[in-house]
Amino acid sequence: MAIQPIRLFGDPVLRTPAAPVETFDKELRKLVRDLTETMMDAPGAGLAAPQIGVSLRVFTYWVDDEPGHLVNPDLDLSDELMDGEEGCLSLPDLSFDTPRARQVVAKGMNMHGEPVVIEGTALLARAIQHETDHLDGILFIDRLDAETRKEAMRQIRQAEWFGESAPDVRLSPHAISSRWL
């Protein structure tokens, strides 16, 4: 296992939709371990593969001292919304009230290719939605109203980390569909 550098706002991998995982092998299990270790070291409530430069549909979460992961998630969201403070490891030291569905049912697979269903509310629902957004190239600031998003961009431009060079891209050993290239 290895702690990986977390990509920061401005890195193109964060705005690129990730490719579905097609191969459930030793490399995928290593990716899940790296994501988990990096997330817990940060610490964060979740971390998506694009945040460490791997454009695959995988994320980890750590809510109520329970770590977990999901591969190729598909979400069913409740109509009821909740506002709550949200931040992101790729946008350090920023947080804003962000609207999210109150409940989520997430279907996908674990790192062994076995089907998984995760039902969550509150922080777990927020984390699953946030990390799935990363897999779609969406950042939580995209979900803010126009005025708050403008303030978020102002704070980003003033942040010490803004404009830092991106780490070298780590190529995935997994086959990636050419439609994502």
Protein backbone atom coordinates (compact mmCIF):
# COMPACT_ATOMS: atom_id res chain seq x y z
CA MET A 1 0.00 0.00 0.00
CA ALA A 2 1.14 3.51 -0.69
CA ILE A 3 -0.12 6.98 0.07
CA GLN A 4 -0.54 8.81 -3.25
CA PRO A 5 -0.46 12.56 -3.99
CA ILE A 6 -3.95 14.04 -4.23
CA ARG A 7 -4.69 15.99 -7.40
CA LEU A 8 -5.78 19.58 -6.83
CA PHE A 9 -8.39 21.78 -8.50
CA GLY A 10 -7.17 22.70 -11.97
CA ASP A 11 -5.82 19.24 -12.81
CA PRO A 12 -7.70 18.06 -15.94
CA VAL A 13 -8.17 14.53 -14.57
CA LEU A 14 -10.68 15.98 -12.08
CA ARG A 15 -12.90 17.23 -14.92
CA THR A 16 -12.70 14.09 -17.07
CA PRO A 17 -15.35 11.37 -16.75
CA ALA A 18 -13.69 8.16 -15.54
CA ALA A 19 -13.83 4.90 -17.47
CA PRO A 20 -15.72 1.90 -16.11
CA VAL A 21 -13.64 -0.81 -14.51
CA GLU A 22 -13.63 -3.88 -16.73
CA THR A 23 -10.93 -5.99 -15.06
CA PHE A 24 -11.15 -7.04 -11.42
CA ASP A 25 -7.59 -8.08 -10.69
CA LYS A 26 -4.63 -7.57 -8.38
CA GLU A 27 -4.03 -4.06 -9.75
CA LEU A 28 -7.59 -3.00 -8.92
CA ARG A 29 -7.21 -4.35 -5.38
CA LYS A 30 -3.96 -2.37 -5.04
CA LEU A 31 -5.75 0.76 -6.29
CA VAL A 32 -8.49 0.31 -3.64
CA ARG A 33 -5.83 -0.15 -0.93
CA ASP A 34 -3.95 2.96 -2.14
CA LEU A 35 -7.18 4.99 -2.19
CA THR A 36 -8.11 3.82 1.31
CA GLU A 37 -4.69 4.54 2.78
CA THR A 38 -4.48 7.96 1.08
CA MET A 39 -8.02 8.88 2.23
CA MET A 40 -7.37 7.85 5.82
CA ASP A 41 -4.02 9.67 5.89
CA ALA A 42 -5.54 12.92 4.57
CA PRO A 43 -7.99 12.35 6.44
CA GLY A 44 -11.18 12.49 4.39
CA ALA A 45 -14.65 10.97 4.23
CA GLY A 46 -14.04 9.71 0.70
CA LEU A 47 -11.60 9.61 -2.19
CA ALA A 48 -12.18 8.84 -5.87
CA ALA A 49 -9.58 7.30 -8.19
CA PRO A 50 -9.33 10.44 -10.39
CA GLN A 51 -8.19 12.34 -7.30
CA ILE A 52 -4.98 10.30 -7.37
CA GLY A 53 -4.71 10.49 -11.16
CA VAL A 54 -6.34 7.18 -12.10
CA SER A 55 -9.32 7.69 -14.41
CA LEU A 56 -11.37 4.66 -13.35
CA ARG A 57 -14.81 4.47 -11.72
CA VAL A 58 -13.68 3.53 -8.20
CA PHE A 59 -14.00 5.34 -4.89
CA THR A 60 -13.47 4.70 -1.21
CA TYR A 61 -15.32 6.16 1.76
CA TRP A 62 -14.77 6.34 5.50
CA VAL A 63 -17.91 7.24 7.45
CA ASP A 64 -18.60 6.50 11.13
CA ASP A 65 -15.22 4.73 11.35
CA GLU A 66 -16.33 2.27 8.67
CA PRO A 67 -14.18 2.19 5.52
CA GLY A 68 -15.66 0.93 2.28
CA HIS A 69 -15.35 1.14 -1.48
CA LEU A 70 -17.47 0.91 -4.59
CA VAL A 71 -16.58 0.13 -8.20
CA ASN A 72 -18.73 1.27 -11.15
CA PRO A 73 -21.41 2.91 -8.97
CA ASP A 74 -24.95 3.54 -10.12
CA LEU A 75 -27.03 5.74 -7.80
CA ASP A 76 -30.73 5.97 -7.01
CA LEU A 77 -31.34 9.26 -5.20
CA SER A 78 -34.28 10.34 -3.06
CA ASP A 79 -36.26 13.41 -4.13
CA GLU A 80 -35.81 14.93 -0.68
CA LEU A 81 -32.80 17.24 -0.52
CA MET A 82 -30.59 18.32 2.37
CA ASP A 83 -28.07 21.12 2.66
CA GLY A 84 -24.87 20.43 4.53
CA GLU A 85 -21.29 21.53 4.81
CA GLU A 86 -19.11 19.87 2.22
CA GLY A 87 -15.42 20.05 1.40
CA CYS A 88 -13.03 18.18 -0.86
CA LEU A 89 -9.48 16.88 -0.58
CA SER A 90 -8.85 18.33 -4.07
CA LEU A 91 -9.93 21.78 -2.83
CA PRO A 92 -8.12 21.95 0.53
CA ASP A 93 -9.45 24.14 3.32
CA LEU A 94 -12.65 25.12 1.47
CA SER A 95 -16.14 24.13 2.54
CA PHE A 96 -19.61 25.31 1.60
CA ASP A 97 -23.19 24.26 2.25
CA THR A 98 -24.02 22.02 -0.70
CA PRO A 99 -27.41 20.54 -1.62
CA ARG A 100 -27.56 16.74 -1.92
CA ALA A 101 -30.22 14.03 -1.92
CA ARG A 102 -31.00 12.98 1.64
CA GLN A 103 -30.90 9.25 0.83
CA VAL A 104 -29.00 7.16 -1.68
CA VAL A 105 -29.02 3.57 -2.83
CA ALA A 106 -25.71 2.85 -4.56
CA LYS A 107 -25.28 -0.29 -6.64
CA GLY A 108 -21.96 -1.44 -7.98
CA MET A 109 -19.27 -3.98 -7.32
CA ASN A 110 -16.53 -4.55 -4.81
CA MET A 111 -12.88 -4.96 -5.80
CA HIS A 112 -13.45 -8.68 -6.41
CA GLY A 113 -16.26 -8.08 -8.93
CA GLU A 114 -19.04 -9.12 -6.54
CA PRO A 115 -22.29 -7.09 -6.57
CA VAL A 116 -22.72 -4.57 -3.74
CA VAL A 117 -25.65 -2.42 -2.62
CA ILE A 118 -25.05 0.43 -0.16
CA GLU A 119 -27.97 2.34 1.35
CA GLY A 120 -27.14 5.55 3.13
CA THR A 121 -28.45 8.76 4.61
CA ALA A 122 -26.79 11.88 6.05
CA LEU A 123 -22.98 11.81 5.78
CA LEU A 124 -22.81 8.44 3.99
CA ALA A 125 -25.30 9.63 1.35
CA ARG A 126 -23.33 12.87 0.93
CA ALA A 127 -19.99 11.04 0.62
CA ILE A 128 -21.30 8.56 -1.96
CA GLN A 129 -22.82 11.35 -4.08
CA HIS A 130 -19.67 13.50 -3.78
CA GLU A 131 -17.34 10.67 -4.83
CA THR A 132 -19.61 9.54 -7.67
CA ASP A 133 -19.60 13.13 -8.92
CA HIS A 134 -15.78 12.92 -9.08
CA LEU A 135 -16.14 9.88 -11.33
CA ASP A 136 -18.31 12.00 -13.65
CA GLY A 137 -15.87 14.95 -13.71
CA ILE A 138 -18.06 17.04 -11.39
CA LEU A 139 -16.76 18.93 -8.34
CA PHE A 140 -18.94 19.88 -5.38
CA ILE A 141 -18.53 23.59 -6.24
CA ASP A 142 -20.46 22.86 -9.46
CA ARG A 143 -23.53 22.16 -7.30
CA LEU A 144 -23.44 25.55 -5.56
CA ASP A 145 -25.74 28.44 -6.46
CA ALA A 146 -24.16 31.12 -8.66
CA GLU A 147 -23.33 33.55 -5.84
CA THR A 148 -21.74 30.90 -3.62
CA ARG A 149 -19.84 29.40 -6.58
CA LYS A 150 -18.42 32.86 -7.34
CA GLU A 151 -17.23 33.12 -3.72
CA ALA A 152 -15.75 29.60 -3.92
CA MET A 153 -13.78 30.56 -7.04
CA ARG A 154 -12.51 33.70 -5.31
CA GLN A 155 -11.29 31.61 -2.36
CA ILE A 156 -9.67 29.07 -4.71
CA ARG A 157 -7.72 31.78 -6.55
CA GLN A 158 -6.46 33.09 -3.19
CA ALA A 159 -5.52 29.66 -1.81
CA GLU A 160 -1.85 28.91 -1.23
CA TRP A 161 -2.11 25.66 -3.19
CA PHE A 162 -3.78 27.20 -6.27
CA GLY A 163 -1.59 26.94 -9.35
CA GLU A 164 0.77 24.31 -7.94
CA SER A 165 2.07 22.02 -10.63
CA ALA A 166 0.32 18.71 -10.96
CA PRO A 167 2.18 15.52 -10.08
CA ASP A 168 3.20 13.15 -12.86
CA VAL A 169 0.27 11.22 -14.30
CA ARG A 170 0.25 7.57 -13.25
CA LEU A 171 -1.03 5.46 -16.10
CA SER A 172 -3.53 2.79 -15.20
CA PRO A 173 -2.67 -0.81 -16.07
CA HIS A 174 -6.37 -1.41 -16.72
CA ALA A 175 -7.84 -1.48 -20.20
CA ILE A 176 -9.74 1.76 -20.74
CA SER A 177 -12.41 2.19 -23.37
CA SER A 178 -11.21 4.43 -26.21
CA ARG A 179 -14.31 6.62 -25.86
CA TRP A 180 -12.67 8.20 -22.77
CA LEU A 181 -9.35 9.03 -24.41
